[in-house]
Amino acid sequence: MELQEIIDRSRRVVFFGGAGVSTASGIPDFRSENGLYASEFEGLTPEMILSQSFFYLNPEGFFRFYRRFMLHPEAKPNAVHRKLYELEKADKLRGIVTQNIDGLHKATGNRRVYELHGSVHENYCMDCNAFYPMEKILHSEGIPRCDHCGGVIKPWVVLYGEAPDKYTVMGACRELSNADALIIAGTSLSVEPAASLLDYFHGKYLVVINAEPISADERATLVIRGDVAEVMDRVVMNG
């Protein structure tokens, strides 16, 4: 059975994506051989810097790394984002569960998006909760401060050691449990609790699109080795 046939036969498709979804938009992935996590920054690994404890202990160092590697204002939606938007408009796609923080799914127009790890486009003052866009952090120096009270502005992204937003997780679990087809794409499924959310899927078709083998391959209806953007771009809307 091919991907096109699975999508045509399904009424409630959910897409579960990771960093490999956005590489065609010029955003590097994390865990590949040349990914972000294969390097060090100022003698520390990215996992160390992107932790809750490091944020509080060394916010200056955190924001140096964050501005340089986590913000990609030039990135534009690619074929994956555009195809998912078409599927949602056709009421075929019922939800996007993403581990990405780049906000490209929402930028494309998708509304049923569950950003498990938050978004670089949402930032808030830790003292007064004032909201700030990505540009506030991108164009500031040192520790970004609130214009109203002078408090520290923190990105609404889930750092290591932090729990994801419970309402986002609840929404993702609901969509997964109601789906008859699940497409997993561009993710190693090595990060919890995101990986465990797949236990909520009990539908008929499970598709894996990834460059490397992952744990979900064993239970998949269809496994496609390749670039996510190239694969999704070949899907056509029927009916």
Protein backbone atom coordinates (compact mmCIF):
# COMPACT_ATOMS: atom_id res chain seq x y z
CA MET A 1 0.00 0.00 0.00
CA GLU A 2 1.32 3.43 -0.97
CA LEU A 3 1.09 6.72 0.92
CA GLN A 4 -1.37 8.18 -1.57
CA GLU A 5 -3.74 5.23 -1.14
CA ILE A 6 -3.58 5.45 2.65
CA ILE A 7 -4.43 9.15 2.62
CA ASP A 8 -7.26 8.59 0.13
CA ARG A 9 -8.77 5.86 2.31
CA SER A 10 -8.47 7.80 5.58
CA ARG A 11 -10.86 10.32 7.06
CA ARG A 12 -8.89 11.46 10.08
CA VAL A 13 -5.16 11.87 9.35
CA VAL A 14 -2.74 13.12 12.00
CA PHE A 15 0.81 14.21 11.15
CA PHE A 16 3.52 13.82 13.80
CA GLY A 17 6.68 15.67 12.76
CA GLY A 18 10.17 16.50 13.95
CA ALA A 19 13.20 18.45 12.83
CA GLY A 20 13.43 16.65 9.48
CA VAL A 21 10.25 18.42 8.40
CA SER A 22 11.97 21.83 8.43
CA THR A 23 15.37 21.01 6.94
CA ALA A 24 14.07 21.90 3.46
CA SER A 25 13.36 25.38 4.89
CA GLY A 26 17.03 25.80 5.76
CA ILE A 27 16.70 24.93 9.46
CA PRO A 28 19.30 22.33 10.53
CA ASP A 29 18.13 19.22 12.33
CA PHE A 30 19.44 18.11 15.71
CA ARG A 31 20.57 14.51 15.83
CA SER A 32 21.94 13.68 12.39
CA GLU A 33 25.67 13.36 11.74
CA ASN A 34 25.90 17.05 10.86
CA GLY A 35 23.08 18.21 13.10
CA LEU A 36 23.19 20.82 15.82
CA TYR A 37 23.80 18.32 18.61
CA ALA A 38 26.97 17.03 16.93
CA SER A 39 28.82 20.23 17.88
CA GLU A 40 29.76 22.19 20.97
CA PHE A 41 29.36 25.86 21.81
CA GLU A 42 31.73 27.56 24.24
CA GLY A 43 32.78 24.13 25.49
CA LEU A 44 29.23 22.95 26.23
CA THR A 45 26.84 20.67 24.39
CA PRO A 46 23.56 22.08 23.08
CA GLU A 47 21.66 19.79 25.46
CA MET A 48 23.40 21.46 28.40
CA ILE A 49 22.71 24.98 27.15
CA LEU A 50 19.08 24.28 26.27
CA SER A 51 18.28 23.19 29.81
CA GLN A 52 16.19 24.85 32.47
CA SER A 53 19.08 24.89 34.92
CA PHE A 54 21.47 26.55 32.45
CA PHE A 55 18.88 29.20 31.59
CA TYR A 56 18.70 30.28 35.22
CA LEU A 57 22.40 29.88 35.99
CA ASN A 58 23.78 31.55 32.87
CA PRO A 59 21.08 33.42 30.94
CA GLU A 60 23.67 35.44 29.00
CA GLY A 61 25.22 32.24 27.64
CA PHE A 62 21.80 30.79 26.94
CA PHE A 63 20.74 33.76 24.81
CA ARG A 64 24.05 33.86 22.91
CA PHE A 65 23.39 30.30 21.81
CA TYR A 66 19.66 30.79 21.34
CA ARG A 67 19.99 33.78 19.01
CA ARG A 68 22.71 32.14 16.94
CA PHE A 69 21.27 28.65 16.49
CA MET A 70 17.57 28.58 17.37
CA LEU A 71 16.19 31.62 15.56
CA HIS A 72 15.73 31.45 11.79
CA PRO A 73 13.69 34.50 10.74
CA GLU A 74 14.50 33.89 7.07
CA ALA A 75 12.97 30.38 7.03
CA LYS A 76 9.89 29.89 4.86
CA PRO A 77 7.39 27.00 4.72
CA ASN A 78 8.38 24.16 2.41
CA ALA A 79 6.50 21.47 0.50
CA VAL A 80 5.61 19.58 3.67
CA HIS A 81 3.97 22.59 5.31
CA ARG A 82 2.12 23.52 2.12
CA LYS A 83 0.81 19.98 1.54
CA LEU A 84 -0.41 19.71 5.14
CA TYR A 85 -2.24 23.00 4.70
CA GLU A 86 -3.99 21.58 1.62
CA LEU A 87 -4.94 18.44 3.56
CA GLU A 88 -6.38 20.49 6.41
CA LYS A 89 -8.38 22.68 4.05
CA ALA A 90 -9.84 19.50 2.55
CA ASP A 91 -10.80 18.39 6.09
CA LYS A 92 -8.62 15.31 5.68
CA LEU A 93 -5.93 16.33 8.17
CA ARG A 94 -7.27 16.57 11.71
CA GLY A 95 -4.12 17.62 13.52
CA ILE A 96 -0.39 18.33 13.36
CA VAL A 97 1.64 17.27 16.37
CA THR A 98 5.08 18.84 16.06
CA GLN A 99 8.28 18.80 18.06
CA ASN A 100 9.52 21.83 16.11
CA ILE A 101 9.58 25.32 17.59
CA ASP A 102 9.95 27.24 14.31
CA GLY A 103 6.25 28.05 13.92
CA LEU A 104 6.22 27.22 10.20
CA HIS A 105 3.06 25.12 10.34
CA LYS A 106 1.06 28.04 11.73
CA ALA A 107 2.79 30.44 9.33
CA THR A 108 1.47 28.34 6.45
CA GLY A 109 -2.07 28.67 7.74
CA ASN A 110 -2.68 25.41 9.59
CA ARG A 111 -4.87 25.87 12.65
CA ARG A 112 -4.91 22.39 14.19
CA VAL A 113 -1.30 22.53 15.37
CA TYR A 114 -0.01 21.15 18.67
CA GLU A 115 3.48 22.53 19.32
CA LEU A 116 4.77 20.14 21.97
CA HIS A 117 7.97 22.10 22.56
CA GLY A 118 6.54 25.59 22.18
CA SER A 119 7.41 28.27 19.65
CA VAL A 120 10.15 30.85 19.14
CA HIS A 121 7.41 33.28 18.14
CA GLU A 122 5.92 33.35 21.63
CA ASN A 123 7.91 35.00 24.42
CA TYR A 124 6.79 36.38 27.74
CA CYS A 125 8.03 38.49 30.62
CA MET A 126 8.67 36.26 33.62
CA ASP A 127 7.45 39.03 35.97
CA CYS A 128 4.39 40.60 34.33
CA ASN A 129 3.61 38.05 31.56
CA ALA A 130 3.74 40.69 28.80
CA PHE A 131 3.92 39.04 25.38
CA TYR A 132 6.73 39.64 22.88
CA PRO A 133 7.36 38.37 19.31
CA MET A 134 10.56 36.69 18.19
CA GLU A 135 11.94 40.01 16.93
CA LYS A 136 12.20 41.33 20.48
CA ILE A 137 14.77 38.68 21.35
CA LEU A 138 16.43 38.66 17.95
CA HIS A 139 17.16 42.40 18.00
CA SER A 140 18.10 42.73 21.66
CA GLU A 141 21.49 42.21 23.26
CA GLY A 142 22.40 40.23 26.33
CA ILE A 143 19.38 39.26 28.43
CA PRO A 144 16.17 40.58 26.82
CA ARG A 145 14.17 42.77 29.21
CA CYS A 146 10.51 43.70 29.38
CA ASP A 147 9.62 47.19 28.18
CA HIS A 148 7.04 47.53 30.95
CA CYS A 149 8.67 46.21 34.11
CA GLY A 150 12.25 45.29 33.23
CA GLY A 151 11.72 41.58 33.87
CA VAL A 152 13.52 38.86 31.94
CA ILE A 153 11.81 37.79 28.73
CA LYS A 154 11.75 34.00 28.35
CA PRO A 155 11.01 32.15 25.13
CA TRP A 156 7.95 29.90 25.31
CA VAL A 157 9.99 26.83 24.42
CA VAL A 158 10.26 23.66 26.47
CA LEU A 159 13.80 23.36 27.82
CA TYR A 160 15.37 20.17 29.10
CA GLY A 161 14.03 19.67 32.61
CA GLU A 162 10.74 21.44 31.87
CA ALA A 163 7.36 19.80 31.32
CA PRO A 164 5.42 20.55 28.14
CA ASP A 165 2.19 22.50 28.34
CA LYS A 166 -0.44 20.07 29.61
CA TYR A 167 -3.23 21.44 27.43
CA THR A 168 -1.11 21.07 24.30
CA VAL A 169 -0.32 17.47 25.25
CA MET A 170 -3.98 16.76 25.99
CA GLY A 171 -5.00 18.09 22.59
CA ALA A 172 -2.33 16.04 20.83
CA CYS A 173 -3.41 12.88 22.67
CA ARG A 174 -7.02 13.49 21.71
CA GLU A 175 -6.21 13.81 18.02
CA LEU A 176 -3.93 10.77 18.06
CA SER A 177 -6.53 8.61 19.77
CA ASN A 178 -9.19 9.59 17.20
CA ALA A 179 -7.02 9.23 14.10
CA ASP A 180 -7.41 6.42 11.61
CA ALA A 181 -4.07 7.24 9.96
CA LEU A 182 -0.89 8.59 11.50
CA ILE A 183 2.08 9.88 9.52
CA ILE A 184 5.34 10.09 11.49
CA ALA A 185 7.96 12.12 9.64
CA GLY A 186 11.41 13.58 10.20
CA THR A 187 11.86 12.53 13.81
CA SER A 188 14.08 10.08 15.65
CA LEU A 189 11.43 9.57 18.35
CA SER A 190 14.20 9.75 20.94
CA VAL A 191 12.75 12.54 23.10
CA GLU A 192 10.20 12.02 25.84
CA PRO A 193 7.41 12.58 26.53
CA ALA A 194 6.73 13.20 22.84
CA ALA A 195 7.68 9.66 21.80
CA SER A 196 5.28 8.09 24.29
CA LEU A 197 2.34 9.96 22.78
CA LEU A 198 2.33 7.45 19.95
CA ASP A 199 0.84 4.93 22.39
CA TYR A 200 -2.43 6.85 22.02
CA PHE A 201 -2.73 5.92 18.36
CA HIS A 202 -4.81 2.82 17.67
CA GLY A 203 -5.87 3.57 14.10
CA LYS A 204 -5.57 1.46 10.98
CA TYR A 205 -2.61 2.98 9.13
CA LEU A 206 0.79 4.01 10.48
CA VAL A 207 3.22 5.60 8.03
CA VAL A 208 6.87 6.40 8.80
CA ILE A 209 8.81 8.80 6.57
CA ASN A 210 12.38 9.17 7.76
CA ALA A 211 15.94 9.02 6.50
CA GLU A 212 17.01 6.58 9.21
CA PRO A 213 15.30 3.63 10.97
CA ILE A 214 13.27 4.49 14.08
CA SER A 215 11.45 2.47 16.71
CA ALA A 216 8.03 2.93 15.07
CA ASP A 217 9.16 1.11 11.92
CA GLU A 218 8.29 -2.25 13.48
CA ARG A 219 4.57 -1.50 13.74
CA ALA A 220 4.26 0.63 10.61
CA THR A 221 1.94 -0.12 7.71
CA LEU A 222 4.33 1.69 5.39
CA VAL A 223 7.95 2.80 5.85
CA ILE A 224 9.44 5.30 3.40
CA ARG A 225 13.14 6.08 3.49
CA GLY A 226 13.75 9.51 2.04
CA ASP A 227 13.38 13.26 2.29
CA VAL A 228 10.09 14.25 3.89
CA ALA A 229 9.53 17.26 1.60
CA GLU A 230 10.07 15.21 -1.56
CA VAL A 231 7.73 12.46 -0.38
CA MET A 232 4.91 14.77 0.74
CA ASP A 233 5.17 16.90 -2.39
CA ARG A 234 4.09 13.87 -4.46
CA VAL A 235 0.78 13.56 -2.57
CA VAL A 236 -2.17 14.85 -4.56
CA MET A 237 -5.66 15.81 -3.42
CA ASN A 238 -8.28 13.46 -4.84
CA GLY A 239 -12.00 14.08 -4.81
